Amino acid sequence: MNDSATGKPHERNGRMPAANERILVTGGAGFIGSHLVDAFLAAGHDVLVVDNFSTGKKENLPGHVRWYDADVTDKHALLAIVKRESPTIVVHAAAQINVRSSFHDPQRDAEINIKGAINVLECCKDAGVKRALYLSSGGAVYGIPNRLPCTEQAPGAPVNPYGVSKYTAELYFSLYHHLYQIEYGILRLSNVYGPRQDPHGEAGVVSIFADAVLHDRQPVVFGDGTQTRDFVYVADVAAAAVLAVRRLSMSFPKPFDERIFNISSGEAISVNDALAAIQHAAGNRANHALATVPSVPAKHQAAVSGEVKHMVLDSSLAKKALGWMPSVGFEEGIEKTVEWMR
């Protein structure tokens, strides 16, 4: 288990079954990435993972998946892996995902999110990989939209360094398609939540609130809590990625008409209501009753500069072009998440 990134892959418990595509997932041991890995495997694909395990965890990976301990900011190591494994599609999920961290260290945010994306695309170019899927942020790249729900036609106008880095990476995917004919798709995700989200190592208000509630700590709400988001369950995100890979795998007589898709529930939920739902789910499980247990009231702190007050995405294009719709409602997803975290 100590092979270098340019050596043999780590593999456990046997071989992979026959597959449709060989998919390399960057950040595949992380919260979202590991669910992508599970979904791709279930769809019959051969999957390998590149992750530096700064936030990802080896225990998130299925026992038989191949993985490399490498960083997307290290082009030399990444290119060696891509040339060795010859994936047919690269799914780029590795990222710095915390808005507040992007303010504290915008250089590091840009290094991971922009340089990392360029390295992935350069490796695709140099190794002859002609298809790539990028996981972006619908909650950050649009900035403060003029109207809600926000469609893919809204201009990119981010208001924080994280949004700038994610949007810039999108532009590089478009550029490399123009220059080097790399087919690509982009999934702009709303607020993703679900099992495996680390309340300490990754952004995510649901996991942070659930961890506080389950450990009888005071939840911290930034601002007055009336800000709204649409939350999408991580398994639904993984299902969208499977459909997007299928789209990239198909032969088209003409170029794609659409490449960017919002992936969201389309339901606006306030931060206060999200916390109430988590408290309710925790109380249900604790008491086996409908009433929640008494909980510590939230502590309010100043709103975070650069965070959007209201954001809801329109995912009707994903339904039309990919055949995707969310299948897990917010209350059900919260129940699943709290149960996992317990």
C-alpha atoms as a PDB file:
ATOM      1  CA  MET A   1       0.000   0.000   0.000  1.00  0.00           C
ATOM      2  CA  ASN A   2       3.000   2.284  -0.270  1.00  0.00           C
ATOM      3  CA  ASP A   3       3.488   2.327  -4.043  1.00  0.00           C
ATOM      4  CA  SER A   4       4.304   5.711  -5.499  1.00  0.00           C
ATOM      5  CA  ALA A   5       1.874   7.524  -7.746  1.00  0.00           C
ATOM      6  CA  THR A   6       3.876   6.448 -10.784  1.00  0.00           C
ATOM      7  CA  GLY A   7       4.064   2.801  -9.750  1.00  0.00           C
ATOM      8  CA  LYS A   8       1.449   0.113  -9.539  1.00  0.00           C
ATOM      9  CA  PRO A   9      -2.093   0.972  -8.456  1.00  0.00           C
ATOM     10  CA  HIS A  10      -3.404  -0.038  -5.076  1.00  0.00           C
ATOM     11  CA  GLU A  11      -5.966  -2.830  -5.455  1.00  0.00           C
ATOM     12  CA  ARG A  12      -7.814  -4.901  -2.914  1.00  0.00           C
ATOM     13  CA  ASN A  13      -9.832  -8.113  -2.954  1.00  0.00           C
ATOM     14  CA  GLY A  14      -9.854  -9.237  -6.548  1.00  0.00           C
ATOM     15  CA  ARG A  15     -10.497  -7.920 -10.006  1.00  0.00           C
ATOM     16  CA  MET A  16     -13.108  -5.774 -11.626  1.00  0.00           C
ATOM     17  CA  PRO A  17     -15.881  -7.197 -13.785  1.00  0.00           C
ATOM     18  CA  ALA A  18     -16.140  -6.442 -17.488  1.00  0.00           C
ATOM     19  CA  ALA A  19     -17.016  -2.808 -17.987  1.00  0.00           C
ATOM     20  CA  ASN A  20     -18.397  -0.337 -20.517  1.00  0.00           C
ATOM     21  CA  GLU A  21     -15.904   2.465 -19.871  1.00  0.00           C
ATOM     22  CA  ARG A  22     -12.682   2.879 -17.958  1.00  0.00           C
ATOM     23  CA  ILE A  23     -13.309   5.928 -15.802  1.00  0.00           C
ATOM     24  CA  LEU A  24     -10.664   7.781 -13.817  1.00  0.00           C
ATOM     25  CA  VAL A  25     -12.243   9.751 -10.963  1.00  0.00           C
ATOM     26  CA  THR A  26     -10.148  12.488  -9.373  1.00  0.00           C
ATOM     27  CA  GLY A  27     -11.106  13.054  -5.753  1.00  0.00           C
ATOM     28  CA  GLY A  28     -12.783   9.658  -5.819  1.00  0.00           C
ATOM     29  CA  ALA A  29     -12.281   8.980  -2.106  1.00  0.00           C
ATOM     30  CA  GLY A  30     -14.081  12.152  -1.070  1.00  0.00           C
ATOM     31  CA  PHE A  31     -17.702  12.694  -0.139  1.00  0.00           C
ATOM     32  CA  ILE A  32     -19.153  13.193  -3.622  1.00  0.00           C
ATOM     33  CA  GLY A  33     -16.383  11.375  -5.470  1.00  0.00           C
ATOM     34  CA  SER A  34     -16.836   8.112  -3.579  1.00  0.00           C
ATOM     35  CA  HIS A  35     -20.551   8.081  -4.393  1.00  0.00           C
ATOM     36  CA  LEU A  36     -19.645   8.599  -8.046  1.00  0.00           C
ATOM     37  CA  VAL A  37     -17.324   5.598  -7.818  1.00  0.00           C
ATOM     38  CA  ASP A  38     -20.104   3.461  -6.357  1.00  0.00           C
ATOM     39  CA  ALA A  39     -22.557   4.523  -9.051  1.00  0.00           C
ATOM     40  CA  PHE A  40     -20.090   3.970 -11.906  1.00  0.00           C
ATOM     41  CA  LEU A  41     -19.248   0.508 -10.600  1.00  0.00           C
ATOM     42  CA  ALA A  42     -22.933  -0.350 -10.281  1.00  0.00           C
ATOM     43  CA  ALA A  43     -23.397   0.730 -13.905  1.00  0.00           C
ATOM     44  CA  GLY A  44     -20.740  -1.761 -15.012  1.00  0.00           C
ATOM     45  CA  HIS A  45     -17.823   0.591 -15.598  1.00  0.00           C
ATOM     46  CA  ASP A  46     -14.194  -0.043 -14.725  1.00  0.00           C
ATOM     47  CA  VAL A  47     -13.206   2.638 -12.219  1.00  0.00           C
ATOM     48  CA  LEU A  48      -9.935   3.886 -10.815  1.00  0.00           C
ATOM     49  CA  VAL A  49      -9.381   6.690  -8.335  1.00  0.00           C
ATOM     50  CA  VAL A  50      -6.820   9.442  -7.899  1.00  0.00           C
ATOM     51  CA  ASP A  51      -6.944  11.158  -4.511  1.00  0.00           C
ATOM     52  CA  ASN A  52      -4.400  12.764  -2.185  1.00  0.00           C
ATOM     53  CA  PHE A  53      -6.580  11.855   0.836  1.00  0.00           C
ATOM     54  CA  SER A  54      -6.415  15.351   2.283  1.00  0.00           C
ATOM     55  CA  THR A  55     -10.168  15.137   2.855  1.00  0.00           C
ATOM     56  CA  GLY A  56     -11.007  11.841   1.176  1.00  0.00           C
ATOM     57  CA  LYS A  57     -10.865   8.583   3.095  1.00  0.00           C
ATOM     58  CA  LYS A  58      -9.699   5.163   1.956  1.00  0.00           C
ATOM     59  CA  GLU A  59     -12.618   3.573   3.791  1.00  0.00           C
ATOM     60  CA  ASN A  60     -14.990   5.386   1.426  1.00  0.00           C
ATOM     61  CA  LEU A  61     -13.723   3.222  -1.434  1.00  0.00           C
ATOM     62  CA  PRO A  62     -15.030  -0.244  -2.302  1.00  0.00           C
ATOM     63  CA  GLY A  63     -12.532  -2.976  -1.553  1.00  0.00           C
ATOM     64  CA  HIS A  64     -11.829  -3.911  -5.166  1.00  0.00           C
ATOM     65  CA  VAL A  65     -11.370  -0.448  -6.664  1.00  0.00           C
ATOM     66  CA  ARG A  66      -7.920   0.617  -7.837  1.00  0.00           C
ATOM     67  CA  TRP A  67      -6.587   3.851  -6.375  1.00  0.00           C
ATOM     68  CA  TYR A  68      -3.535   6.053  -6.569  1.00  0.00           C
ATOM     69  CA  ASP A  69      -2.345   8.403  -3.853  1.00  0.00           C
ATOM     70  CA  ALA A  70      -1.612  11.485  -5.948  1.00  0.00           C
ATOM     71  CA  ASP A  71      -2.480  15.177  -6.150  1.00  0.00           C
ATOM     72  CA  VAL A  72      -4.064  16.859  -9.176  1.00  0.00           C
ATOM     73  CA  THR A  73      -1.667  19.774  -8.692  1.00  0.00           C
ATOM     74  CA  ASP A  74       1.203  17.364  -9.529  1.00  0.00           C
ATOM     75  CA  LYS A  75       0.973  17.067 -13.301  1.00  0.00           C
ATOM     76  CA  HIS A  76       3.931  14.691 -13.611  1.00  0.00           C
ATOM     77  CA  ALA A  77       2.399  12.132 -11.252  1.00  0.00           C
ATOM     78  CA  LEU A  78      -1.059  12.536 -12.749  1.00  0.00           C
ATOM     79  CA  LEU A  79       0.157  12.120 -16.325  1.00  0.00           C
ATOM     80  CA  ALA A  80       2.023   8.937 -15.426  1.00  0.00           C
ATOM     81  CA  ILE A  81      -1.195   7.495 -14.014  1.00  0.00           C
ATOM     82  CA  VAL A  82      -3.311   8.510 -16.987  1.00  0.00           C
ATOM     83  CA  LYS A  83      -0.794   7.038 -19.449  1.00  0.00           C
ATOM     84  CA  ARG A  84      -0.514   3.827 -17.449  1.00  0.00           C
ATOM     85  CA  GLU A  85      -4.264   3.291 -17.066  1.00  0.00           C
ATOM     86  CA  SER A  86      -5.514   4.712 -20.401  1.00  0.00           C
ATOM     87  CA  PRO A  87      -8.967   5.746 -19.156  1.00  0.00           C
ATOM     88  CA  THR A  88     -11.626   6.424 -21.754  1.00  0.00           C
ATOM     89  CA  ILE A  89     -13.209   9.171 -19.635  1.00  0.00           C
ATOM     90  CA  VAL A  90     -11.881  11.356 -16.813  1.00  0.00           C
ATOM     91  CA  VAL A  91     -14.340  12.613 -14.203  1.00  0.00           C
ATOM     92  CA  HIS A  92     -12.830  15.555 -12.364  1.00  0.00           C
ATOM     93  CA  ALA A  93     -14.298  15.839  -8.873  1.00  0.00           C
ATOM     94  CA  ALA A  94     -11.208  16.824  -6.867  1.00  0.00           C
ATOM     95  CA  ALA A  95     -11.521  20.363  -5.541  1.00  0.00           C
ATOM     96  CA  GLN A  96     -11.160  22.829  -2.723  1.00  0.00           C
ATOM     97  CA  ILE A  97     -14.846  23.274  -1.873  1.00  0.00           C
ATOM     98  CA  ASN A  98     -15.053  25.634   1.090  1.00  0.00           C
ATOM     99  CA  VAL A  99     -16.131  29.211   0.321  1.00  0.00           C
ATOM    100  CA  ARG A 100     -14.751  30.582   3.583  1.00  0.00           C
ATOM    101  CA  SER A 101     -11.408  28.865   2.983  1.00  0.00           C
ATOM    102  CA  SER A 102     -11.227  30.477  -0.439  1.00  0.00           C
ATOM    103  CA  PHE A 103     -11.303  33.912   1.231  1.00  0.00           C
ATOM    104  CA  HIS A 104      -8.610  32.969   3.729  1.00  0.00           C
ATOM    105  CA  ASP A 105      -6.297  31.486   1.086  1.00  0.00           C
ATOM    106  CA  PRO A 106      -7.363  32.372  -2.470  1.00  0.00           C
ATOM    107  CA  GLN A 107      -3.991  31.304  -3.857  1.00  0.00           C
ATOM    108  CA  ARG A 108      -4.445  27.767  -2.553  1.00  0.00           C
ATOM    109  CA  ASP A 109      -8.029  27.714  -3.789  1.00  0.00           C
ATOM    110  CA  ALA A 110      -6.854  28.708  -7.274  1.00  0.00           C
ATOM    111  CA  GLU A 111      -3.977  26.252  -7.225  1.00  0.00           C
ATOM    112  CA  ILE A 112      -6.286  23.312  -6.567  1.00  0.00           C
ATOM    113  CA  ASN A 113      -9.325  24.353  -8.556  1.00  0.00           C
ATOM    114  CA  ILE A 114      -7.736  26.103 -11.537  1.00  0.00           C
ATOM    115  CA  LYS A 115      -4.267  24.570 -11.801  1.00  0.00           C
ATOM    116  CA  GLY A 116      -5.699  21.163 -10.926  1.00  0.00           C
ATOM    117  CA  ALA A 117      -8.267  21.419 -13.721  1.00  0.00           C
ATOM    118  CA  ILE A 118      -5.615  22.538 -16.216  1.00  0.00           C
ATOM    119  CA  ASN A 119      -3.424  19.595 -15.207  1.00  0.00           C
ATOM    120  CA  VAL A 120      -6.306  17.181 -15.742  1.00  0.00           C
ATOM    121  CA  LEU A 121      -6.969  18.631 -19.183  1.00  0.00           C
ATOM    122  CA  GLU A 122      -3.289  18.651 -20.102  1.00  0.00           C
ATOM    123  CA  CYS A 123      -3.061  14.986 -19.133  1.00  0.00           C
ATOM    124  CA  CYS A 124      -6.105  14.202 -21.245  1.00  0.00           C
ATOM    125  CA  LYS A 125      -4.488  16.014 -24.186  1.00  0.00           C
ATOM    126  CA  ASP A 126      -1.084  14.371 -23.769  1.00  0.00           C
ATOM    127  CA  ALA A 127      -2.471  10.869 -23.165  1.00  0.00           C
ATOM    128  CA  GLY A 128      -5.152  11.009 -25.848  1.00  0.00           C
ATOM    129  CA  VAL A 129      -8.199  10.937 -23.558  1.00  0.00           C
ATOM    130  CA  LYS A 130     -11.001  12.568 -25.516  1.00  0.00           C
ATOM    131  CA  ARG A 131     -13.823  12.787 -22.961  1.00  0.00           C
ATOM    132  CA  ALA A 132     -14.082  14.514 -19.592  1.00  0.00           C
ATOM    133  CA  LEU A 133     -16.794  15.354 -17.072  1.00  0.00           C
ATOM    134  CA  TYR A 134     -16.328  18.225 -14.631  1.00  0.00           C
ATOM    135  CA  LEU A 135     -18.188  18.752 -11.359  1.00  0.00           C
ATOM    136  CA  SER A 136     -18.733  22.471 -10.862  1.00  0.00           C
ATOM    137  CA  SER A 137     -20.769  24.583  -8.450  1.00  0.00           C
ATOM    138  CA  GLY A 138     -24.164  25.963  -9.401  1.00  0.00           C
ATOM    139  CA  GLY A 139     -24.336  27.681  -6.057  1.00  0.00           C
ATOM    140  CA  ALA A 140     -21.189  29.732  -6.711  1.00  0.00           C
ATOM    141  CA  VAL A 141     -20.594  30.348 -10.415  1.00  0.00           C
ATOM    142  CA  TYR A 142     -23.796  32.357 -10.987  1.00  0.00           C
ATOM    143  CA  GLY A 143     -23.133  34.829  -8.190  1.00  0.00           C
ATOM    144  CA  ILE A 144     -26.286  36.809  -7.454  1.00  0.00           C
ATOM    145  CA  PRO A 145     -28.710  35.948 -10.289  1.00  0.00           C
ATOM    146  CA  ASN A 146     -31.326  38.375 -11.556  1.00  0.00           C
ATOM    147  CA  ARG A 147     -34.076  35.794 -11.317  1.00  0.00           C
ATOM    148  CA  LEU A 148     -34.766  32.474  -9.642  1.00  0.00           C
ATOM    149  CA  PRO A 149     -34.761  29.616 -10.308  1.00  0.00           C
ATOM    150  CA  CYS A 150     -31.486  30.118 -12.122  1.00  0.00           C
ATOM    151  CA  THR A 151     -31.030  28.433 -15.509  1.00  0.00           C
ATOM    152  CA  GLU A 152     -27.827  27.551 -17.317  1.00  0.00           C
ATOM    153  CA  GLN A 153     -28.318  30.610 -19.529  1.00  0.00           C
ATOM    154  CA  ALA A 154     -27.600  32.948 -16.606  1.00  0.00           C
ATOM    155  CA  PRO A 155     -24.121  34.477 -16.934  1.00  0.00           C
ATOM    156  CA  GLY A 156     -21.269  33.390 -14.730  1.00  0.00           C
ATOM    157  CA  ALA A 157     -20.739  36.202 -12.227  1.00  0.00           C
ATOM    158  CA  PRO A 158     -19.184  34.718  -9.063  1.00  0.00           C
ATOM    159  CA  VAL A 159     -18.856  36.861  -5.938  1.00  0.00           C
ATOM    160  CA  ASN A 160     -16.252  34.822  -4.036  1.00  0.00           C
ATOM    161  CA  PRO A 161     -12.849  33.304  -4.881  1.00  0.00           C
ATOM    162  CA  TYR A 162     -14.250  29.769  -4.850  1.00  0.00           C
ATOM    163  CA  GLY A 163     -16.842  30.655  -7.471  1.00  0.00           C
ATOM    164  CA  VAL A 164     -14.199  32.372  -9.586  1.00  0.00           C
ATOM    165  CA  SER A 165     -11.945  29.313  -9.518  1.00  0.00           C
ATOM    166  CA  LYS A 166     -14.759  26.887 -10.386  1.00  0.00           C
ATOM    167  CA  TYR A 167     -16.008  29.086 -13.220  1.00  0.00           C
ATOM    168  CA  THR A 168     -12.494  29.589 -14.568  1.00  0.00           C
ATOM    169  CA  ALA A 169     -12.032  25.816 -14.671  1.00  0.00           C
ATOM    170  CA  GLU A 170     -15.238  25.547 -16.705  1.00  0.00           C
ATOM    171  CA  LEU A 171     -13.776  27.962 -19.246  1.00  0.00           C
ATOM    172  CA  TYR A 172     -10.684  25.800 -19.558  1.00  0.00           C
ATOM    173  CA  PHE A 173     -12.811  22.736 -20.334  1.00  0.00           C
ATOM    174  CA  SER A 174     -14.487  24.739 -23.101  1.00  0.00           C
ATOM    175  CA  LEU A 175     -11.109  25.971 -24.354  1.00  0.00           C
ATOM    176  CA  TYR A 176      -9.578  22.491 -24.504  1.00  0.00           C
ATOM    177  CA  HIS A 177     -12.593  21.300 -26.464  1.00  0.00           C
ATOM    178  CA  HIS A 178     -12.011  24.096 -28.959  1.00  0.00           C
ATOM    179  CA  LEU A 179      -8.258  23.584 -29.171  1.00  0.00           C
ATOM    180  CA  TYR A 180      -7.906  19.821 -28.782  1.00  0.00           C
ATOM    181  CA  GLN A 181     -11.396  18.384 -29.442  1.00  0.00           C
ATOM    182  CA  ILE A 182     -11.859  16.994 -25.924  1.00  0.00           C
ATOM    183  CA  GLU A 183     -15.562  16.305 -25.520  1.00  0.00           C
ATOM    184  CA  TYR A 184     -16.774  17.466 -22.132  1.00  0.00           C
ATOM    185  CA  GLY A 185     -19.760  17.873 -19.873  1.00  0.00           C
ATOM    186  CA  ILE A 186     -20.213  20.053 -16.797  1.00  0.00           C
ATOM    187  CA  LEU A 187     -22.533  19.381 -13.869  1.00  0.00           C
ATOM    188  CA  ARG A 188     -23.258  22.507 -11.838  1.00  0.00           C
ATOM    189  CA  LEU A 189     -24.278  21.133  -8.469  1.00  0.00           C
ATOM    190  CA  SER A 190     -26.431  22.826  -5.871  1.00  0.00           C
ATOM    191  CA  ASN A 191     -25.811  22.147  -2.164  1.00  0.00           C
ATOM    192  CA  VAL A 192     -24.963  18.455  -1.965  1.00  0.00           C
ATOM    193  CA  TYR A 193     -25.547  16.533   1.253  1.00  0.00           C
ATOM    194  CA  GLY A 194     -25.713  12.935   2.426  1.00  0.00           C
ATOM    195  CA  PRO A 195     -23.707  10.102   3.993  1.00  0.00           C
ATOM    196  CA  ARG A 196     -19.894  10.398   4.094  1.00  0.00           C
ATOM    197  CA  GLN A 197     -19.900  14.187   4.202  1.00  0.00           C
ATOM    198  CA  ASP A 198     -17.311  15.150   6.805  1.00  0.00           C
ATOM    199  CA  PRO A 199     -18.511  17.965   9.076  1.00  0.00           C
ATOM    200  CA  HIS A 200     -14.914  18.711  10.053  1.00  0.00           C
ATOM    201  CA  GLY A 201     -13.010  18.347   6.784  1.00  0.00           C
ATOM    202  CA  GLU A 202     -15.461  19.481   4.109  1.00  0.00           C
ATOM    203  CA  ALA A 203     -18.025  22.216   3.599  1.00  0.00           C
ATOM    204  CA  GLY A 204     -21.682  21.306   4.050  1.00  0.00           C
ATOM    205  CA  VAL A 205     -24.203  22.901   6.372  1.00  0.00           C
ATOM    206  CA  VAL A 206     -26.278  19.711   6.714  1.00  0.00           C
ATOM    207  CA  SER A 207     -23.394  17.604   8.013  1.00  0.00           C
ATOM    208  CA  ILE A 208     -22.157  20.429  10.252  1.00  0.00           C
ATOM    209  CA  PHE A 209     -25.620  20.924  11.782  1.00  0.00           C
ATOM    210  CA  ALA A 210     -26.227  17.189  12.160  1.00  0.00           C
ATOM    211  CA  ASP A 211     -22.914  16.682  13.914  1.00  0.00           C
ATOM    212  CA  ALA A 212     -23.692  19.506  16.345  1.00  0.00           C
ATOM    213  CA  VAL A 213     -27.239  18.278  17.047  1.00  0.00           C
ATOM    214  CA  LEU A 214     -26.187  14.661  17.566  1.00  0.00           C
ATOM    215  CA  HIS A 215     -23.468  15.722  20.009  1.00  0.00           C
ATOM    216  CA  ASP A 216     -25.593  18.264  21.919  1.00  0.00           C
ATOM    217  CA  ARG A 217     -23.499  21.196  20.746  1.00  0.00           C
ATOM    218  CA  GLN A 218     -24.866  24.585  19.798  1.00  0.00           C
ATOM    219  CA  PRO A 219     -25.325  24.859  16.011  1.00  0.00           C
ATOM    220  CA  VAL A 220     -23.837  28.013  14.506  1.00  0.00           C
ATOM    221  CA  VAL A 221     -25.931  29.856  11.906  1.00  0.00           C
ATOM    222  CA  PHE A 222     -24.197  32.552   9.906  1.00  0.00           C
ATOM    223  CA  GLY A 223     -26.564  35.467   9.392  1.00  0.00           C
ATOM    224  CA  ASP A 224     -30.234  35.299  10.357  1.00  0.00           C
ATOM    225  CA  GLY A 225     -30.788  31.878   8.797  1.00  0.00           C
ATOM    226  CA  THR A 226     -33.381  33.075   6.287  1.00  0.00           C
ATOM    227  CA  GLN A 227     -30.970  32.599   3.395  1.00  0.00           C
ATOM    228  CA  THR A 228     -32.215  29.842   1.090  1.00  0.00           C
ATOM    229  CA  ARG A 229     -30.557  27.027  -0.849  1.00  0.00           C
ATOM    230  CA  ASP A 230     -31.712  24.012  -2.787  1.00  0.00           C
ATOM    231  CA  PHE A 231     -30.238  20.828  -1.395  1.00  0.00           C
ATOM    232  CA  VAL A 232     -29.616  17.750  -3.538  1.00  0.00           C
ATOM    233  CA  TYR A 233     -28.953  14.291  -2.135  1.00  0.00           C
ATOM    234  CA  VAL A 234     -25.564  12.857  -3.047  1.00  0.00           C
ATOM    235  CA  ALA A 235     -26.951   9.644  -4.572  1.00  0.00           C
ATOM    236  CA  ASP A 236     -28.969  11.775  -6.988  1.00  0.00           C
ATOM    237  CA  VAL A 237     -25.787  13.614  -7.973  1.00  0.00           C
ATOM    238  CA  ALA A 238     -24.106  10.276  -8.639  1.00  0.00           C
ATOM    239  CA  ALA A 239     -27.053   9.205 -10.791  1.00  0.00           C
ATOM    240  CA  ALA A 240     -26.687  12.401 -12.824  1.00  0.00           C
ATOM    241  CA  ALA A 241     -22.993  11.681 -13.354  1.00  0.00           C
ATOM    242  CA  VAL A 242     -23.783   8.184 -14.646  1.00  0.00           C
ATOM    243  CA  LEU A 243     -26.213   9.673 -17.160  1.00  0.00           C
ATOM    244  CA  ALA A 244     -23.710  12.339 -18.173  1.00  0.00           C
ATOM    245  CA  VAL A 245     -21.030   9.700 -18.771  1.00  0.00           C
ATOM    246  CA  ARG A 246     -23.524   7.745 -20.863  1.00  0.00           C
ATOM    247  CA  ARG A 247     -24.135  10.869 -22.916  1.00  0.00           C
ATOM    248  CA  LEU A 248     -20.408  11.379 -23.392  1.00  0.00           C
ATOM    249  CA  SER A 249     -20.060   7.719 -24.383  1.00  0.00           C
ATOM    250  CA  MET A 250     -22.595   7.927 -27.195  1.00  0.00           C
ATOM    251  CA  SER A 251     -21.732   8.749 -30.787  1.00  0.00           C
ATOM    252  CA  PHE A 252     -23.410  11.876 -32.054  1.00  0.00           C
ATOM    253  CA  PRO A 253     -23.642  12.912 -35.702  1.00  0.00           C
ATOM    254  CA  LYS A 254     -23.200  16.508 -34.589  1.00  0.00           C
ATOM    255  CA  PRO A 255     -21.632  18.284 -31.595  1.00  0.00           C
ATOM    256  CA  PHE A 256     -23.504  18.465 -28.317  1.00  0.00           C
ATOM    257  CA  ASP A 257     -26.116  21.203 -28.158  1.00  0.00           C
ATOM    258  CA  GLU A 258     -25.849  21.329 -24.371  1.00  0.00           C
ATOM    259  CA  ARG A 259     -22.807  20.669 -22.214  1.00  0.00           C
ATOM    260  CA  ILE A 260     -23.651  22.375 -18.912  1.00  0.00           C
ATOM    261  CA  PHE A 261     -26.373  21.060 -16.612  1.00  0.00           C
ATOM    262  CA  ASN A 262     -27.720  22.287 -13.291  1.00  0.00           C
ATOM    263  CA  ILE A 263     -28.197  19.395 -10.864  1.00  0.00           C
ATOM    264  CA  SER A 264     -30.523  20.381  -8.050  1.00  0.00           C
ATOM    265  CA  SER A 265     -33.768  19.710  -6.245  1.00  0.00           C
ATOM    266  CA  GLY A 266     -35.240  23.027  -7.352  1.00  0.00           C
ATOM    267  CA  GLU A 267     -36.719  23.487  -3.864  1.00  0.00           C
ATOM    268  CA  ALA A 268     -35.763  26.564  -1.833  1.00  0.00           C
ATOM    269  CA  ILE A 269     -35.130  25.702   1.820  1.00  0.00           C
ATOM    270  CA  SER A 270     -33.929  28.194   4.397  1.00  0.00           C
ATOM    271  CA  VAL A 271     -30.983  27.450   6.633  1.00  0.00           C
ATOM    272  CA  ASN A 272     -33.306  27.722   9.639  1.00  0.00           C
ATOM    273  CA  ASP A 273     -35.683  25.157   8.138  1.00  0.00           C
ATOM    274  CA  ALA A 274     -32.791  22.852   7.301  1.00  0.00           C
ATOM    275  CA  LEU A 275     -31.660  22.964  10.929  1.00  0.00           C
ATOM    276  CA  ALA A 276     -35.220  22.300  12.135  1.00  0.00           C
ATOM    277  CA  ALA A 277     -35.469  19.262   9.838  1.00  0.00           C
ATOM    278  CA  ILE A 278     -32.191  17.894  11.197  1.00  0.00           C
ATOM    279  CA  GLN A 279     -33.321  18.412  14.792  1.00  0.00           C
ATOM    280  CA  HIS A 280     -36.599  16.689  13.962  1.00  0.00           C
ATOM    281  CA  ALA A 281     -34.848  13.709  12.368  1.00  0.00           C
ATOM    282  CA  ALA A 282     -32.464  13.380  15.302  1.00  0.00           C
ATOM    283  CA  GLY A 283     -35.356  13.539  17.750  1.00  0.00           C
ATOM    284  CA  ASN A 284     -37.398  10.972  15.852  1.00  0.00           C
ATOM    285  CA  ARG A 285     -34.605   8.470  15.927  1.00  0.00           C
ATOM    286  CA  ALA A 286     -33.784   9.148  19.571  1.00  0.00           C
ATOM    287  CA  ASN A 287     -37.349   8.873  20.900  1.00  0.00           C
ATOM    288  CA  HIS A 288     -39.021   6.735  18.248  1.00  0.00           C
ATOM    289  CA  ALA A 289     -41.679   9.422  18.280  1.00  0.00           C
ATOM    290  CA  LEU A 290     -42.741  12.315  16.124  1.00  0.00           C
ATOM    291  CA  ALA A 291     -41.688  15.006  18.553  1.00  0.00           C
ATOM    292  CA  THR A 292     -38.101  16.195  18.512  1.00  0.00           C
ATOM    293  CA  VAL A 293     -35.965  16.072  21.590  1.00  0.00           C
ATOM    294  CA  PRO A 294     -35.169  19.383  23.255  1.00  0.00           C
ATOM    295  CA  SER A 295     -32.255  20.880  21.371  1.00  0.00           C
ATOM    296  CA  VAL A 296     -29.733  23.591  22.023  1.00  0.00           C
ATOM    297  CA  PRO A 297     -30.858  26.785  20.266  1.00  0.00           C
ATOM    298  CA  ALA A 298     -28.727  27.989  17.394  1.00  0.00           C
ATOM    299  CA  LYS A 299     -26.050  30.591  17.890  1.00  0.00           C
ATOM    300  CA  HIS A 300     -26.090  33.293  15.230  1.00  0.00           C
ATOM    301  CA  GLN A 301     -22.901  34.857  13.920  1.00  0.00           C
ATOM    302  CA  ALA A 302     -22.254  37.488  11.291  1.00  0.00           C
ATOM    303  CA  ALA A 303     -23.106  36.525   7.727  1.00  0.00           C
ATOM    304  CA  VAL A 304     -20.173  35.413   5.583  1.00  0.00           C
ATOM    305  CA  SER A 305     -19.057  38.019   3.067  1.00  0.00           C
ATOM    306  CA  GLY A 306     -19.388  36.777  -0.488  1.00  0.00           C
ATOM    307  CA  GLU A 307     -22.025  34.146   0.219  1.00  0.00           C
ATOM    308  CA  VAL A 308     -25.170  34.413  -1.883  1.00  0.00           C
ATOM    309  CA  LYS A 309     -28.369  35.144   0.050  1.00  0.00           C
ATOM    310  CA  HIS A 310     -30.775  33.117  -2.114  1.00  0.00           C
ATOM    311  CA  MET A 311     -30.050  30.468  -4.727  1.00  0.00           C
ATOM    312  CA  VAL A 312     -32.277  27.937  -6.438  1.00  0.00           C
ATOM    313  CA  LEU A 313     -31.275  26.184  -9.642  1.00  0.00           C
ATOM    314  CA  ASP A 314     -33.517  25.101 -12.502  1.00  0.00           C
ATOM    315  CA  SER A 315     -32.548  21.559 -13.530  1.00  0.00           C
ATOM    316  CA  SER A 316     -35.135  21.100 -16.298  1.00  0.00           C
ATOM    317  CA  LEU A 317     -32.383  20.896 -18.922  1.00  0.00           C
ATOM    318  CA  ALA A 318     -30.889  17.881 -17.151  1.00  0.00           C
ATOM    319  CA  LYS A 319     -34.307  16.243 -17.261  1.00  0.00           C
ATOM    320  CA  LYS A 320     -34.676  16.959 -20.977  1.00  0.00           C
ATOM    321  CA  ALA A 321     -31.160  16.090 -22.166  1.00  0.00           C
ATOM    322  CA  LEU A 322     -30.005  13.508 -19.610  1.00  0.00           C
ATOM    323  CA  GLY A 323     -33.290  12.030 -18.425  1.00  0.00           C
ATOM    324  CA  TRP A 324     -32.366  12.959 -14.849  1.00  0.00           C
ATOM    325  CA  MET A 325     -34.622  13.949 -11.969  1.00  0.00           C
ATOM    326  CA  PRO A 326     -33.953  13.977  -8.225  1.00  0.00           C
ATOM    327  CA  SER A 327     -35.490  10.970  -6.508  1.00  0.00           C
ATOM    328  CA  VAL A 328     -34.769  11.644  -2.819  1.00  0.00           C
ATOM    329  CA  GLY A 329     -36.795  14.359  -1.103  1.00  0.00           C
ATOM    330  CA  PHE A 330     -35.223  16.610   1.500  1.00  0.00           C
ATOM    331  CA  GLU A 331     -36.879  15.047   4.557  1.00  0.00           C
ATOM    332  CA  GLU A 332     -36.003  11.526   3.406  1.00  0.00           C
ATOM    333  CA  GLY A 333     -32.448  12.599   2.639  1.00  0.00           C
ATOM    334  CA  ILE A 334     -32.069  14.218   6.042  1.00  0.00           C
ATOM    335  CA  GLU A 335     -33.305  11.044   7.732  1.00  0.00           C
ATOM    336  CA  LYS A 336     -30.742   8.979   5.791  1.00  0.00           C
ATOM    337  CA  THR A 337     -27.951  11.425   6.565  1.00  0.00           C
ATOM    338  CA  VAL A 338     -28.685  11.660  10.283  1.00  0.00           C
ATOM    339  CA  GLU A 339     -28.958   7.878  10.535  1.00  0.00           C
ATOM    340  CA  TRP A 340     -25.568   7.467   8.858  1.00  0.00           C
ATOM    341  CA  MET A 341     -23.933  10.101  11.039  1.00  0.00           C
ATOM    342  CA  ARG A 342     -25.368   8.532  14.154  1.00  0.00           C
END
